[in-house]
Structure formats: C-alpha cells, structure tokens
Amino acid sequence: MARRISPAAAAIEAIREADDVSSGPGRGLMGASVPAGGMRSPAEAAAFGREWAVVLADVPLFASLSKRHLRRVAKMASKVRFPARTVIVSPRRRADAFYVILDGKAEVATATGDLIELGPGRFFGEMALLDSGPRSATVTTKTEMLAMSISQRRFRELLESEPKIAFPIMSELATRVRRLETEA
C-alpha cells in the first residue's frame, strides 16, 4: 500500500529535489538566497511558485488566504541555505524575516529555557512579517538547512498593494490572542 503524504510534504519534497541540496545555489554560504523562481523559465517559475503556495497553506498565519493570495505571497519567497550550527535569529537581533524549513533541522531556545526541535514543514519568525521588535527566541540550525524566507519589507509592500490579504492574517492573530488570554 502506497504511503499517503500531505500536499505540503509533497511540495517540500519537490522543492528539495529541484534545489539539489548537494550542489544548489548558495551552497555553504551563510544565508545565501535565491529567489523562489531561481534561474528558471517563466513556466518553471510559475510551477515552483505553486509549490511554495502549497507549503504556505499549511502555515496557520496564511491558511485562510485564497489560492491567488497564497501565490502572491509565495512569489516573494526566497530559498535560503544555512550551514549547521548557525544562529538564524536571536533576541539581540531585530526581526526581519519569516522562515519555513524545507530540509534540515533547527532548534528553538525559548526565553523560558525550553528547547524545541523543528524539521521540514515547520516554521518560525511569522511575527517578524508584522513587527520589527526583537525576536522572542533563539533559532540555531542543527544541520545544514534549506528554508523558504519571506522578508518583512517585501511582505509589507504586498499588504500595501493587496490590503485584503491583511484581514485573514488579522483574524488568525486575534484567535491567537484569545487563546493566550484563556490560557493565562
């Protein structure tokens, strides 16, 4: 019997295969990035953008966006490769990007001292898209890591040109605030 995988997991696998982790652009460079479309033909770039949109649909902050809006957000994404043991974000640094892990592992060290391991499909830094405040945790790669990255600047430009994208995001944030208030 064939193993069933989620659409996001299938998209992540396709992105990893297209990237060729062993020899892709930016290999071994801290934070080396390549636009989501890379150096592909327009048709290949469009297909790649659809794969990014499937991955973003699994992120709670974007889950209620329309397919068209998911594709718009996905177009802003870049692939970023980090070597093992790289501190990607820390409370001493200003927030400026959101990441979805495509390949590799990272560890989150929270302010309370909890350690959380993240792997493919997991994400961090979503609040950075909306707020330039300091990070609330430290995220360090455990292995070489390939991630999708969306910069705060580009995301804000998108919100200015497509304000309807903001409403589902605000709804998700309100849900999070209510959940935190009931847990407190």
Protein backbone atom coordinates (compact mmCIF):
# COMPACT_ATOMS: atom_id res chain seq x y z
CA MET A 1 0.00 0.00 0.00
CA ALA A 2 1.41 3.39 -1.00
CA ARG A 3 2.19 5.85 1.79
CA ARG A 4 -0.01 8.96 1.67
CA ILE A 5 1.68 12.26 2.30
CA SER A 6 0.18 15.71 2.69
CA PRO A 7 0.20 18.16 -0.23
CA ALA A 8 2.62 20.38 1.73
CA ALA A 9 5.01 17.47 2.34
CA ALA A 10 4.88 16.58 -1.37
CA ALA A 11 5.58 20.21 -2.31
CA ILE A 12 8.51 20.38 0.11
CA GLU A 13 9.95 17.20 -1.41
CA ALA A 14 9.57 18.64 -4.93
CA ILE A 15 11.29 21.87 -3.87
CA ARG A 16 14.15 19.93 -2.27
CA GLU A 17 14.58 17.80 -5.40
CA ALA A 18 14.52 20.89 -7.64
CA ASP A 19 17.09 22.57 -5.41
CA ASP A 20 19.53 19.63 -5.44
CA VAL A 21 20.66 20.15 -1.85
CA SER A 22 24.13 18.78 -2.60
CA SER A 23 25.04 21.37 -5.18
CA GLY A 24 22.37 24.07 -5.24
CA PRO A 25 22.90 27.83 -5.42
CA GLY A 26 24.45 29.35 -2.32
CA ARG A 27 25.91 26.01 -1.14
CA GLY A 28 27.83 26.56 2.08
CA LEU A 29 27.20 30.30 2.28
CA MET A 30 25.51 31.60 5.42
CA GLY A 31 22.12 32.86 4.43
CA ALA A 32 22.78 32.63 0.70
CA SER A 33 19.48 33.18 -1.03
CA VAL A 34 17.99 32.62 -4.44
CA PRO A 35 14.56 33.94 -5.50
CA ALA A 36 11.85 31.27 -5.37
CA GLY A 37 11.77 31.21 -9.15
CA GLY A 38 15.56 30.80 -9.25
CA MET A 39 17.01 30.87 -12.77
CA ARG A 40 14.12 29.07 -14.41
CA SER A 41 11.90 29.73 -17.38
CA PRO A 42 8.66 31.64 -16.64
CA ALA A 43 6.68 28.37 -16.84
CA GLU A 44 9.05 26.61 -14.41
CA ALA A 45 8.98 29.62 -12.07
CA ALA A 46 5.16 29.57 -12.05
CA ALA A 47 5.11 25.85 -11.19
CA PHE A 48 7.67 26.41 -8.46
CA GLY A 49 5.56 29.29 -7.05
CA ARG A 50 2.55 26.96 -6.87
CA GLU A 51 4.64 24.53 -4.79
CA TRP A 52 5.62 27.34 -2.42
CA ALA A 53 1.94 28.30 -2.12
CA VAL A 54 1.05 24.73 -1.07
CA VAL A 55 3.71 24.91 1.66
CA LEU A 56 2.42 28.30 2.86
CA ALA A 57 -1.16 26.98 3.02
CA ASP A 58 -0.05 24.78 5.95
CA VAL A 59 1.19 27.82 7.94
CA PRO A 60 -1.62 28.99 10.27
CA LEU A 61 -0.92 32.66 9.55
CA PHE A 62 -1.62 32.08 5.82
CA ALA A 63 -4.01 29.10 5.95
CA SER A 64 -7.16 31.10 5.27
CA LEU A 65 -5.78 33.09 2.33
CA SER A 66 -7.23 32.45 -1.11
CA LYS A 67 -5.12 30.46 -3.58
CA ARG A 68 -4.45 33.65 -5.53
CA HIS A 69 -3.23 35.44 -2.41
CA LEU A 70 -1.10 32.45 -1.39
CA ARG A 71 0.55 32.58 -4.81
CA ARG A 72 1.20 36.32 -4.37
CA VAL A 73 2.89 35.68 -1.00
CA ALA A 74 4.82 32.73 -2.47
CA LYS A 75 6.23 34.93 -5.26
CA MET A 76 8.08 36.96 -2.62
CA ALA A 77 9.80 33.94 -1.12
CA SER A 78 13.48 33.13 -1.48
CA LYS A 79 15.38 29.93 -0.79
CA VAL A 80 18.00 30.41 1.90
CA ARG A 81 20.66 27.89 2.87
CA PHE A 82 22.35 27.92 6.29
CA PRO A 83 25.30 25.80 7.44
CA ALA A 84 24.95 23.66 10.58
CA ARG A 85 25.25 25.47 13.93
CA THR A 86 24.24 28.87 12.51
CA VAL A 87 22.23 31.23 14.72
CA ILE A 88 19.47 32.44 12.41
CA VAL A 89 17.51 34.58 14.86
CA SER A 90 18.10 35.71 18.42
CA PRO A 91 16.55 38.20 20.85
CA ARG A 92 19.51 40.54 20.24
CA ARG A 93 18.59 40.89 16.54
CA ARG A 94 15.68 42.79 15.03
CA ALA A 95 13.03 40.70 13.36
CA ASP A 96 13.14 40.98 9.58
CA ALA A 97 12.05 37.67 8.01
CA PHE A 98 9.85 34.60 8.28
CA TYR A 99 11.17 31.08 7.53
CA VAL A 100 9.73 27.68 6.61
CA ILE A 101 12.19 24.79 6.89
CA LEU A 102 12.39 22.75 3.68
CA ASP A 103 15.31 20.49 4.55
CA GLY A 104 17.41 20.05 7.68
CA LYS A 105 16.75 20.74 11.35
CA ALA A 106 16.83 23.72 13.69
CA GLU A 107 16.46 24.14 17.44
CA VAL A 108 14.45 26.86 19.15
CA ALA A 109 15.62 28.00 22.58
CA THR A 110 12.78 29.92 24.24
CA ALA A 111 13.11 32.63 26.88
CA THR A 112 11.91 30.06 29.46
CA GLY A 113 14.75 27.70 28.52
CA ASP A 114 12.63 25.18 26.60
CA LEU A 115 14.31 23.56 23.59
CA ILE A 116 12.12 22.68 20.61
CA GLU A 117 13.38 20.86 17.51
CA LEU A 118 11.99 21.92 14.14
CA GLY A 119 12.20 19.96 10.89
CA PRO A 120 10.83 20.20 7.35
CA GLY A 121 7.47 21.94 7.13
CA ARG A 122 7.88 23.72 10.47
CA PHE A 123 8.24 27.50 10.54
CA PHE A 124 9.41 30.36 12.71
CA GLY A 125 9.53 34.15 12.63
CA GLU A 126 5.99 34.77 11.42
CA MET A 127 5.58 37.76 13.76
CA ALA A 128 8.56 39.38 12.01
CA LEU A 129 6.34 39.93 8.99
CA LEU A 130 4.27 42.40 11.00
CA ASP A 131 6.54 43.71 13.76
CA SER A 132 10.20 44.77 13.85
CA GLY A 133 10.51 44.08 17.56
CA PRO A 134 13.22 41.84 18.97
CA ARG A 135 12.91 38.10 18.48
CA SER A 136 11.37 36.14 21.35
CA ALA A 137 13.64 33.10 20.98
CA THR A 138 16.94 31.93 19.51
CA VAL A 139 16.82 29.61 16.50
CA THR A 140 20.01 27.72 15.59
CA THR A 141 20.46 25.20 12.79
CA LYS A 142 21.32 21.68 13.96
CA THR A 143 22.20 20.52 10.45
CA GLU A 144 22.69 22.25 7.13
CA MET A 145 19.29 23.76 6.47
CA LEU A 146 17.37 24.88 3.40
CA ALA A 147 14.49 27.24 4.12
CA MET A 148 11.91 29.40 2.40
CA SER A 149 12.27 33.00 3.56
CA ILE A 150 9.93 35.97 3.22
CA SER A 151 11.31 39.39 4.12
CA GLN A 152 9.31 41.84 6.17
CA ARG A 153 9.91 44.62 3.63
CA ARG A 154 8.52 42.65 0.69
CA PHE A 155 5.58 41.35 2.73
CA ARG A 156 4.63 44.88 3.80
CA GLU A 157 4.80 46.03 0.17
CA LEU A 158 2.38 43.24 -0.69
CA LEU A 159 -0.01 44.27 2.10
CA GLU A 160 0.02 47.84 0.78
CA SER A 161 -0.83 46.68 -2.74
CA GLU A 162 -3.29 43.93 -1.63
CA PRO A 163 -4.88 45.02 1.67
CA LYS A 164 -7.39 42.15 1.53
CA ILE A 165 -4.55 39.80 2.45
CA ALA A 166 -4.36 41.51 5.86
CA PHE A 167 -7.87 40.51 7.01
CA PRO A 168 -7.37 36.72 7.25
CA ILE A 169 -4.00 37.32 8.91
CA MET A 170 -5.53 39.68 11.47
CA SER A 171 -8.22 37.09 12.15
CA GLU A 172 -5.58 34.42 12.89
CA LEU A 173 -3.71 36.83 15.17
CA ALA A 174 -6.93 37.65 17.05
CA THR A 175 -7.56 33.91 17.50
CA ARG A 176 -4.06 33.52 18.96
CA VAL A 177 -4.56 36.42 21.38
CA ARG A 178 -7.89 34.96 22.57
CA ARG A 179 -6.29 31.55 23.07
CA LEU A 180 -3.45 33.09 25.11
CA GLU A 181 -5.90 35.07 27.23
CA THR A 182 -7.89 31.93 28.11
CA GLU A 183 -4.68 30.01 28.92
CA ALA A 184 -3.37 32.76 31.23
